[in-house]
Amino acid sequence: MFERLLPDQIVKTVFDIDLNELKARNVRGIITDLDNTLVSAKTPLATPELVTWLDGVKDAGLKVVILSNNNLTRVSKFADPLGIPYVPMARKPAHRAFRKALDKLGLAPEQAVVVGDQMMTDVLGGRRMGLHTILVTPIALGEEGFMTRINRRIEKIALSRLRRAGKWPTQGGKTK
C-alpha cells in the first residue's frame, strides 16, 4: 500500500542530484517543488548557492519548472526574478498539476524527473504520472503549514513500514 510513496531516488539536497546522470538517462527537465525543497518556506528568494545550481542545471541543457501547492504570490515572487516557469496552487498529487508542469516544459513523462521533499505530494504525484521521483530532505521542518504537518505524520508511518519491509533505500540510493 505505501509503495506508491516510495521514491526512485533519495538525496540530501538538490545540490546532490547528479545532473550528468540525468542527462545520460535522456532526462531533459526537472519539475521541482519550492518550499523546503529549493529553499525554506520562509525564504522569499533564491540563495546564491541555489542560483549557481540553477545556472548549472541550465548549462547541463535541462529545463526547470516549479510545481508548488503554495499560492501565486509566494511562487511568483520567487520564480519571476529567476525566469523560471511555475504552476502555483497545484494541489499535488493531482495529475492535472503534473500535466501542466510537463506542458510548460514541453516534455513527456519519461523525459522529466520530479524533485520534492514530500512523499504524499511530490513522490505520489510523480509516480502516478510515471515520472522518476527524487526525494530530498526537507530544509526546515518547523516552518510548515497544517496540511504538510499532517502529511509528515502519514509519511512517518509509511517510512516505518517500508523500512521494516526492507524497501526503503539508503541516502543517495535508488529503489529500483
Protein backbone atom coordinates (compact mmCIF):
# COMPACT_ATOMS: atom_id res chain seq x y z
CA MET A 1 0.00 0.00 0.00
CA PHE A 2 2.71 2.50 0.94
CA GLU A 3 4.88 1.52 -2.03
CA ARG A 4 3.30 4.32 -4.07
CA LEU A 5 5.09 6.71 -1.71
CA LEU A 6 8.48 5.12 -2.37
CA PRO A 7 10.80 7.49 -4.27
CA ASP A 8 13.04 6.26 -7.06
CA GLN A 9 15.96 8.10 -5.53
CA ILE A 10 16.85 9.89 -2.29
CA VAL A 11 19.35 12.74 -1.91
CA LYS A 12 20.07 15.13 0.92
CA THR A 13 19.61 18.32 -1.13
CA VAL A 14 19.06 19.37 -4.74
CA PHE A 15 22.80 20.05 -4.86
CA ASP A 16 23.39 16.29 -4.56
CA ILE A 17 21.46 15.48 -7.74
CA ASP A 18 23.83 14.19 -10.41
CA LEU A 19 22.90 16.29 -13.44
CA ASN A 20 25.22 14.30 -15.70
CA GLU A 21 23.45 11.10 -14.71
CA LEU A 22 20.09 12.68 -15.57
CA LYS A 23 21.39 13.74 -18.97
CA ALA A 24 22.80 10.25 -19.59
CA ARG A 25 19.29 8.88 -18.95
CA ASN A 26 17.88 11.33 -21.54
CA VAL A 27 16.18 13.46 -18.89
CA ARG A 28 15.59 16.94 -20.26
CA GLY A 29 13.59 18.58 -17.49
CA ILE A 30 13.15 18.92 -13.75
CA ILE A 31 9.80 19.51 -12.08
CA THR A 32 10.65 20.80 -8.64
CA ASP A 33 8.76 21.73 -5.53
CA LEU A 34 9.62 25.09 -3.95
CA ASP A 35 9.18 25.20 -0.18
CA ASN A 36 11.59 23.01 1.79
CA THR A 37 12.98 21.66 -1.48
CA LEU A 38 14.75 24.64 -3.07
CA VAL A 39 14.61 26.99 -0.06
CA SER A 40 12.89 27.03 3.33
CA ALA A 41 9.24 28.07 3.37
CA LYS A 42 10.24 31.39 4.98
CA THR A 43 12.98 32.23 2.47
CA PRO A 44 11.47 34.59 -0.12
CA LEU A 45 14.21 34.48 -2.78
CA ALA A 46 16.79 32.05 -4.11
CA THR A 47 20.04 31.82 -2.21
CA PRO A 48 23.29 32.49 -4.10
CA GLU A 49 24.11 28.76 -3.85
CA LEU A 50 20.73 27.88 -5.40
CA VAL A 51 21.21 30.42 -8.21
CA THR A 52 24.56 28.79 -9.01
CA TRP A 53 22.91 25.34 -9.02
CA LEU A 54 20.09 26.55 -11.30
CA ASP A 55 22.70 28.02 -13.66
CA GLY A 56 24.37 24.59 -13.69
CA VAL A 57 21.03 22.96 -14.50
CA LYS A 58 20.63 25.30 -17.50
CA ASP A 59 24.25 24.72 -18.54
CA ALA A 60 23.55 20.98 -18.50
CA GLY A 61 20.76 21.60 -21.00
CA LEU A 62 17.94 20.85 -18.59
CA LYS A 63 14.72 22.85 -18.25
CA VAL A 64 13.14 23.59 -14.87
CA VAL A 65 9.58 24.30 -13.75
CA ILE A 66 8.41 24.93 -10.19
CA LEU A 67 5.32 22.98 -9.15
CA SER A 68 4.04 24.24 -5.81
CA ASN A 69 0.95 23.90 -3.68
CA ASN A 70 1.69 27.38 -2.37
CA ASN A 71 -0.11 30.50 -3.63
CA LEU A 72 0.62 32.61 -6.71
CA THR A 73 2.15 35.47 -4.72
CA ARG A 74 4.70 33.25 -2.96
CA VAL A 75 5.67 31.28 -6.06
CA SER A 76 5.81 34.22 -8.49
CA LYS A 77 7.95 36.35 -6.16
CA PHE A 78 10.46 33.50 -6.04
CA ALA A 79 10.34 32.31 -9.67
CA ASP A 80 9.91 35.51 -11.70
CA PRO A 81 13.35 37.02 -10.87
CA LEU A 82 14.91 33.72 -11.97
CA GLY A 83 12.88 33.45 -15.17
CA ILE A 84 11.60 30.03 -14.16
CA PRO A 85 8.10 28.96 -15.21
CA TYR A 86 5.81 27.76 -12.45
CA VAL A 87 2.49 26.18 -11.55
CA PRO A 88 1.18 27.58 -8.24
CA MET A 89 -1.70 26.21 -6.15
CA ALA A 90 -1.02 22.87 -7.84
CA ARG A 91 -2.99 20.63 -5.49
CA LYS A 92 -0.36 17.94 -5.68
CA PRO A 93 -0.58 14.98 -6.01
CA ALA A 94 -3.28 15.73 -8.62
CA HIS A 95 -2.50 14.55 -12.17
CA ARG A 96 -3.57 17.87 -13.65
CA ALA A 97 -0.78 19.77 -11.92
CA PHE A 98 1.92 17.44 -13.18
CA ARG A 99 0.45 17.57 -16.70
CA LYS A 100 0.61 21.38 -16.58
CA ALA A 101 4.24 21.23 -15.47
CA LEU A 102 5.11 18.81 -18.28
CA ASP A 103 3.30 21.06 -20.77
CA LYS A 104 5.34 24.06 -19.60
CA LEU A 105 8.49 22.01 -20.15
CA GLY A 106 7.23 20.63 -23.47
CA LEU A 107 8.27 17.14 -22.37
CA ALA A 108 6.86 13.65 -21.97
CA PRO A 109 6.93 11.98 -18.51
CA GLU A 110 9.93 9.80 -19.39
CA GLN A 111 11.95 12.95 -20.16
CA ALA A 112 11.47 14.59 -16.75
CA VAL A 113 12.05 13.99 -13.06
CA VAL A 114 10.20 15.28 -10.02
CA VAL A 115 12.17 16.68 -7.11
CA GLY A 116 10.48 17.35 -3.79
CA ASP A 117 10.55 16.95 -0.03
CA GLN A 118 7.19 15.22 0.49
CA MET A 119 6.21 11.64 -0.20
CA MET A 120 2.47 12.44 -0.03
CA THR A 121 2.57 15.17 -2.68
CA ASP A 122 5.73 15.15 -4.79
CA VAL A 123 6.56 11.44 -4.85
CA LEU A 124 2.99 10.15 -5.04
CA GLY A 125 2.03 12.62 -7.76
CA GLY A 126 5.16 11.96 -9.76
CA ARG A 127 4.82 8.19 -9.56
CA ARG A 128 1.18 8.35 -10.62
CA MET A 129 2.33 10.18 -13.77
CA GLY A 130 5.15 7.74 -14.48
CA LEU A 131 7.89 10.23 -13.59
CA HIS A 132 11.21 9.40 -11.95
CA THR A 133 10.99 10.77 -8.40
CA ILE A 134 13.78 12.23 -6.29
CA LEU A 135 13.10 12.87 -2.61
CA VAL A 136 15.18 15.49 -0.80
CA THR A 137 15.48 16.04 2.93
CA PRO A 138 13.22 18.95 3.96
CA ILE A 139 15.21 22.13 4.55
CA ALA A 140 13.29 23.43 7.60
CA LEU A 141 10.60 21.29 9.22
CA GLY A 142 9.47 23.89 11.77
CA GLU A 143 8.13 26.27 9.11
CA GLU A 144 5.47 24.02 7.61
CA GLY A 145 1.75 24.57 7.30
CA PHE A 146 -1.03 22.50 8.82
CA MET A 147 -1.58 20.11 5.89
CA THR A 148 2.13 19.48 5.49
CA ARG A 149 2.37 18.54 9.18
CA ILE A 150 -0.46 16.03 8.67
CA ASN A 151 1.30 14.65 5.58
CA ARG A 152 4.52 14.28 7.58
CA ARG A 153 2.72 12.12 10.16
CA ILE A 154 1.40 9.82 7.43
CA GLU A 155 4.85 9.74 5.85
CA LYS A 156 6.36 8.70 9.19
CA ILE A 157 4.04 5.69 9.33
CA ALA A 158 4.76 4.82 5.70
CA LEU A 159 8.51 5.17 6.23
CA SER A 160 8.41 2.85 9.23
CA ARG A 161 6.53 0.17 7.31
CA LEU A 162 8.69 0.48 4.20
CA ARG A 163 11.86 0.19 6.30
CA ARG A 164 10.52 -2.90 8.10
CA ALA A 165 9.78 -4.44 4.71
CA GLY A 166 13.35 -3.67 3.57
CA LYS A 167 12.12 -1.43 0.76
CA TRP A 168 13.45 1.97 1.84
CA PRO A 169 16.68 2.96 0.04
CA THR A 170 19.67 4.50 1.73
CA GLN A 171 20.62 8.17 1.30
CA GLY A 172 21.74 8.69 -2.29
CA GLY A 173 20.43 5.24 -3.09
CA LYS A 174 17.89 4.13 -5.58
CA THR A 175 14.91 1.90 -5.03
CA LYS A 176 14.82 0.40 -8.49
